[in-house]
Amino acid sequence: MDATTYTGTGSAASITNTGGFQPDMVWLKCRSNSTNHYFTDAIRGTTKQIYSNSTAAEGTSGNVLTAFNSNGFSLGTDAEINGSARTYVGWQWKASNTTAVTNTSGSITSSVSANTTAGFSIVTYNGTGFAGATVGHGLGVAPSLVIFKNRDSVFDWPVYHVSMGASNVMFLNTTGAQTSSSIYINGVAPTSTIITLGTSGSTNSGANQIAYCWAEIAGFSKFGSYTGNGSTDGVFVYTGFRPKFWMVKRTDTSGNPWMIYDS
């Protein structure tokens, strides 16, 4: 994983990460202007974008992210990701760096690009709408965080987090608190092979769906919860390593945004 900042030029450009790896997922955001959050990944291809601040269906453009390179990514001239003199960040994760493989572990066949060493996978599938349908994620261990999006229609971004449990969900595109519902993952925690789906169109409509999955792997990622103390001498959260990326959300009340900090 890497967090790379850059300044837009308005011309096609290549951005190099410090990790020297080819990313399979890139999350782009302008830091100096109010714009969309762009999610692009190697399974859907460089011309397909979804926006984590929006319920909108997948968009198509050849002028946003144009290539996944061996040490970063290339950009087109779209002002939301490469406007002249604007500042940006690109958060990147490495999956398999190969063509997605067919996964038949679940009742729904999925296409998966997985990095089992670092605990990250990209999963695409066509939902069925049936409660209890399952889809394979390819990680070999149970994911602690799964972010879903219906690619074809207007739907929220449900987020499963191990600390909230299988019967609770939050949405990446809202400031709402966690809510109790079994319609997203059917109230069943993911296993080492599959994710169980409920009946929500956000996770299991008869449409193209995507799920980004992270499993806790020592030295790569950590997932947990804490209770704040309201003090300047705040709570210490042990991760076991120095993180490059930290995302936090208050779960017990609405109106609080998702906060992201990086190295």
Protein backbone atom coordinates (compact mmCIF):
# COMPACT_ATOMS: atom_id res chain seq x y z
CA MET A 1 0.00 0.00 0.00
CA ASP A 2 1.18 3.54 -0.60
CA ALA A 3 -0.04 7.10 -0.23
CA THR A 4 1.31 9.39 -2.94
CA THR A 5 0.73 13.13 -3.15
CA TYR A 6 1.16 15.11 -6.35
CA THR A 7 0.40 18.46 -7.96
CA GLY A 8 -1.69 18.47 -11.11
CA THR A 9 -0.32 19.79 -14.39
CA GLY A 10 -3.35 19.72 -16.67
CA SER A 11 -1.34 17.48 -19.01
CA ALA A 12 -1.03 13.69 -19.12
CA ALA A 13 1.33 12.59 -16.34
CA SER A 14 2.78 9.54 -14.59
CA ILE A 15 2.85 9.36 -10.78
CA THR A 16 5.50 7.23 -9.05
CA ASN A 17 4.91 5.64 -5.66
CA THR A 18 7.65 5.16 -3.05
CA GLY A 19 6.91 1.45 -2.71
CA GLY A 20 7.98 0.66 -6.26
CA PHE A 21 4.98 -1.59 -6.96
CA GLN A 22 2.18 -1.82 -9.50
CA PRO A 23 -1.14 -0.90 -7.87
CA ASP A 24 -4.34 -2.75 -8.70
CA MET A 25 -6.60 -0.25 -6.95
CA VAL A 26 -6.13 3.52 -6.91
CA TRP A 27 -8.29 5.90 -4.84
CA LEU A 28 -7.80 9.49 -6.08
CA LYS A 29 -8.88 12.70 -4.34
CA CYS A 30 -8.18 16.38 -4.90
CA ARG A 31 -6.95 17.94 -1.65
CA SER A 32 -7.25 21.59 -2.65
CA ASN A 33 -10.73 21.55 -4.20
CA SER A 34 -14.10 19.95 -3.54
CA THR A 35 -14.30 17.06 -6.01
CA ASN A 36 -15.33 13.42 -6.19
CA HIS A 37 -13.40 10.51 -4.70
CA TYR A 38 -12.40 8.28 -7.65
CA PHE A 39 -12.07 4.50 -7.24
CA THR A 40 -10.41 2.73 -10.18
CA ASP A 41 -9.16 -0.86 -10.21
CA ALA A 42 -7.51 -3.36 -12.51
CA ILE A 43 -10.49 -5.73 -12.74
CA ARG A 44 -12.95 -3.11 -13.99
CA GLY A 45 -10.24 -1.38 -16.05
CA THR A 46 -8.82 2.12 -16.27
CA THR A 47 -11.85 3.64 -18.01
CA LYS A 48 -14.31 2.73 -15.22
CA GLN A 49 -14.72 4.86 -12.12
CA ILE A 50 -16.98 4.82 -9.09
CA TYR A 51 -17.22 7.64 -6.57
CA SER A 52 -17.19 6.85 -2.86
CA ASN A 53 -18.85 10.14 -1.93
CA SER A 54 -21.77 9.41 -4.25
CA THR A 55 -24.50 6.83 -4.75
CA ALA A 56 -24.08 7.16 -8.54
CA ALA A 57 -23.56 4.16 -10.78
CA GLU A 58 -20.18 3.48 -12.37
CA GLY A 59 -18.97 6.11 -14.82
CA THR A 60 -16.83 5.72 -17.93
CA SER A 61 -13.98 8.01 -18.97
CA GLY A 62 -10.68 7.52 -20.75
CA ASN A 63 -9.32 10.73 -19.29
CA VAL A 64 -8.97 9.93 -15.59
CA LEU A 65 -6.56 7.12 -14.68
CA THR A 66 -5.06 5.81 -17.91
CA ALA A 67 -2.63 3.05 -16.79
CA PHE A 68 -1.44 0.98 -13.84
CA ASN A 69 2.35 1.18 -14.08
CA SER A 70 5.08 -0.97 -12.52
CA ASN A 71 5.79 1.78 -9.97
CA GLY A 72 2.62 3.88 -9.90
CA PHE A 73 -0.06 5.06 -12.30
CA SER A 74 -0.69 7.40 -15.24
CA LEU A 75 -3.26 10.17 -15.44
CA GLY A 76 -5.28 11.87 -18.12
CA THR A 77 -6.22 15.54 -18.03
CA ASP A 78 -9.53 15.47 -16.15
CA ALA A 79 -9.44 18.44 -13.75
CA GLU A 80 -10.83 16.41 -10.84
CA ILE A 81 -7.67 14.29 -10.78
CA ASN A 82 -5.09 16.39 -12.66
CA GLY A 83 -6.05 20.06 -12.77
CA SER A 84 -3.23 22.55 -13.15
CA ALA A 85 -1.69 23.60 -9.79
CA ARG A 86 -4.25 21.61 -7.78
CA THR A 87 -2.96 19.21 -5.12
CA TYR A 88 -4.00 15.55 -4.93
CA VAL A 89 -3.47 12.25 -3.16
CA GLY A 90 -3.51 8.75 -4.62
CA TRP A 91 -3.99 5.87 -2.17
CA GLN A 92 -2.90 2.60 -3.80
CA TRP A 93 -3.18 -1.10 -3.01
CA LYS A 94 -1.56 -4.06 -4.72
CA ALA A 95 -3.65 -7.14 -5.45
CA SER A 96 -2.42 -9.94 -7.74
CA ASN A 97 -1.03 -7.81 -10.63
CA THR A 98 -2.43 -10.47 -12.98
CA THR A 99 -5.67 -11.11 -14.80
CA ALA A 100 -8.48 -11.78 -12.33
CA VAL A 101 -9.19 -15.46 -11.71
CA THR A 102 -12.57 -17.16 -11.59
CA ASN A 103 -13.59 -18.05 -8.04
CA THR A 104 -16.28 -20.69 -7.47
CA SER A 105 -16.09 -20.93 -3.67
CA GLY A 106 -19.52 -19.33 -3.33
CA SER A 107 -22.90 -19.95 -4.89
CA ILE A 108 -22.17 -16.93 -7.13
CA THR A 109 -19.12 -17.17 -9.37
CA SER A 110 -16.83 -14.17 -8.87
CA SER A 111 -13.76 -12.68 -10.53
CA VAL A 112 -11.01 -12.09 -7.99
CA SER A 113 -7.65 -10.36 -7.89
CA ALA A 114 -6.14 -11.24 -4.50
CA ASN A 115 -2.93 -10.52 -2.62
CA THR A 116 -2.96 -13.10 0.16
CA THR A 117 0.39 -11.91 1.55
CA ALA A 118 -0.88 -8.41 2.28
CA GLY A 119 -4.54 -9.35 2.76
CA PHE A 120 -6.29 -7.40 0.00
CA SER A 121 -8.61 -8.51 -2.77
CA ILE A 122 -10.87 -7.01 -5.42
CA VAL A 123 -14.03 -9.02 -6.12
CA THR A 124 -16.55 -8.52 -8.91
CA TYR A 125 -19.74 -10.54 -9.29
CA ASN A 126 -23.33 -10.45 -10.51
CA GLY A 127 -25.82 -10.51 -7.66
CA THR A 128 -28.88 -12.76 -7.55
CA GLY A 129 -31.10 -10.96 -5.04
CA PHE A 130 -31.47 -14.14 -2.95
CA ALA A 131 -30.74 -14.00 0.78
CA GLY A 132 -27.92 -16.35 1.72
CA ALA A 133 -26.16 -16.27 -1.64
CA THR A 134 -22.40 -16.41 -1.21
CA VAL A 135 -19.41 -15.09 -3.12
CA GLY A 136 -15.72 -16.06 -2.85
CA HIS A 137 -13.14 -13.41 -1.95
CA GLY A 138 -9.85 -15.31 -2.48
CA LEU A 139 -8.01 -14.21 0.67
CA GLY A 140 -7.77 -17.54 2.49
CA VAL A 141 -8.59 -15.80 5.78
CA ALA A 142 -11.73 -13.93 6.81
CA PRO A 143 -11.73 -10.27 5.76
CA SER A 144 -12.06 -7.71 8.54
CA LEU A 145 -13.26 -4.93 6.25
CA VAL A 146 -15.41 -5.14 3.11
CA ILE A 147 -16.62 -2.16 1.09
CA PHE A 148 -19.40 -2.86 -1.43
CA LYS A 149 -20.83 -0.93 -4.39
CA ASN A 150 -23.53 -1.68 -6.95
CA ARG A 151 -21.86 -0.65 -10.21
CA ASP A 152 -25.00 -0.42 -12.35
CA SER A 153 -27.43 1.58 -10.24
CA VAL A 154 -27.83 4.31 -7.64
CA PHE A 155 -27.07 2.72 -4.26
CA ASP A 156 -25.13 3.47 -1.06
CA TRP A 157 -21.69 2.01 -0.25
CA PRO A 158 -22.24 -0.51 2.60
CA VAL A 159 -19.22 -1.10 4.84
CA TYR A 160 -18.76 -4.26 6.90
CA HIS A 161 -16.23 -3.90 9.72
CA VAL A 162 -15.32 -6.73 12.04
CA SER A 163 -15.63 -4.49 15.12
CA MET A 164 -19.27 -3.65 14.32
CA GLY A 165 -20.25 -7.26 13.74
CA ALA A 166 -22.17 -8.91 10.95
CA SER A 167 -25.54 -7.34 11.83
CA ASN A 168 -24.35 -3.74 11.66
CA VAL A 169 -23.33 -1.57 8.74
CA MET A 170 -22.19 1.95 7.91
CA PHE A 171 -22.04 3.68 4.53
CA LEU A 172 -18.90 5.15 3.04
CA ASN A 173 -20.87 7.88 1.27
CA THR A 174 -22.68 9.22 4.37
CA THR A 175 -21.94 10.63 7.82
CA GLY A 176 -24.49 8.33 9.46
CA ALA A 177 -23.90 6.18 12.52
CA GLN A 178 -23.81 2.41 12.30
CA THR A 179 -27.21 0.85 11.78
CA SER A 180 -28.48 -2.63 12.52
CA SER A 181 -29.60 -4.55 9.44
CA SER A 182 -29.19 -8.04 8.02
CA ILE A 183 -30.10 -7.15 4.42
CA TYR A 184 -26.49 -6.46 3.39
CA ILE A 185 -24.51 -9.54 4.45
CA ASN A 186 -27.44 -11.51 5.87
CA GLY A 187 -26.16 -11.12 9.44
CA VAL A 188 -23.35 -13.60 8.73
CA ALA A 189 -19.68 -12.74 9.21
CA PRO A 190 -17.36 -13.48 6.26
CA THR A 191 -15.39 -16.71 6.44
CA SER A 192 -11.95 -17.61 5.12
CA THR A 193 -13.47 -18.31 1.71
CA ILE A 194 -16.82 -16.57 1.25
CA ILE A 195 -18.97 -13.52 1.96
CA THR A 196 -22.66 -14.18 2.57
CA LEU A 197 -25.08 -11.71 0.99
CA GLY A 198 -28.49 -10.43 1.98
CA THR A 199 -31.20 -9.03 -0.26
CA SER A 200 -30.11 -5.39 -0.50
CA GLY A 201 -29.50 -4.03 -3.97
CA SER A 202 -26.35 -2.44 -2.54
CA THR A 203 -24.70 -5.84 -2.24
CA ASN A 204 -26.83 -8.38 -4.10
CA SER A 205 -29.08 -7.05 -6.84
CA GLY A 206 -29.21 -8.70 -10.25
CA ALA A 207 -26.46 -6.36 -11.39
CA ASN A 208 -22.71 -5.91 -11.53
CA GLN A 209 -21.32 -5.56 -8.01
CA ILE A 210 -17.87 -4.95 -6.57
CA ALA A 211 -16.40 -5.66 -3.15
CA TYR A 212 -13.02 -4.44 -1.88
CA CYS A 213 -11.82 -6.77 0.89
CA TRP A 214 -9.09 -6.41 3.50
CA ALA A 215 -7.98 -9.11 5.93
CA GLU A 216 -5.90 -8.35 8.99
CA ILE A 217 -2.29 -9.42 8.34
CA ALA A 218 0.42 -8.61 10.88
CA GLY A 219 2.66 -5.84 9.57
CA PHE A 220 0.27 -4.93 6.75
CA SER A 221 -3.07 -3.92 8.24
CA LYS A 222 -4.97 -3.67 11.50
CA PHE A 223 -8.70 -3.27 12.19
CA GLY A 224 -10.26 -2.38 15.50
CA SER A 225 -12.32 0.02 17.57
CA TYR A 226 -11.82 2.28 20.56
CA THR A 227 -13.75 4.57 22.87
CA GLY A 228 -12.62 8.19 22.89
CA ASN A 229 -11.83 10.05 26.12
CA GLY A 230 -12.24 13.64 24.90
CA SER A 231 -8.80 14.54 26.23
CA THR A 232 -5.79 16.06 24.47
CA ASP A 233 -3.96 13.07 25.95
CA GLY A 234 -6.04 10.77 23.79
CA VAL A 235 -6.50 7.04 23.47
CA PHE A 236 -3.51 5.01 22.26
CA VAL A 237 -4.38 2.44 19.60
CA TYR A 238 -1.78 -0.28 19.12
CA THR A 239 -1.28 -1.52 15.55
CA GLY A 240 2.09 -3.29 15.81
CA PHE A 241 3.55 -1.28 12.93
CA ARG A 242 3.70 2.30 11.70
CA PRO A 243 0.64 2.74 9.43
CA LYS A 244 0.72 4.67 6.15
CA PHE A 245 -3.06 5.05 6.03
CA TRP A 246 -5.61 5.44 8.80
CA MET A 247 -9.36 5.72 8.28
CA VAL A 248 -11.67 6.32 11.24
CA LYS A 249 -15.40 6.87 11.68
CA ARG A 250 -17.51 7.54 14.74
CA THR A 251 -20.07 4.76 14.98
CA ASP A 252 -22.49 5.78 17.74
CA THR A 253 -23.94 9.02 16.34
CA SER A 254 -24.59 10.58 12.96
CA GLY A 255 -23.16 13.76 11.47
CA ASN A 256 -19.51 12.77 11.84
CA PRO A 257 -17.52 12.31 8.60
CA TRP A 258 -15.10 9.59 7.67
CA MET A 259 -11.59 10.89 8.44
CA ILE A 260 -8.47 9.79 6.56
CA TYR A 261 -4.90 10.44 7.62
CA ASP A 262 -1.79 9.21 5.82
CA SER A 263 1.96 9.31 6.03
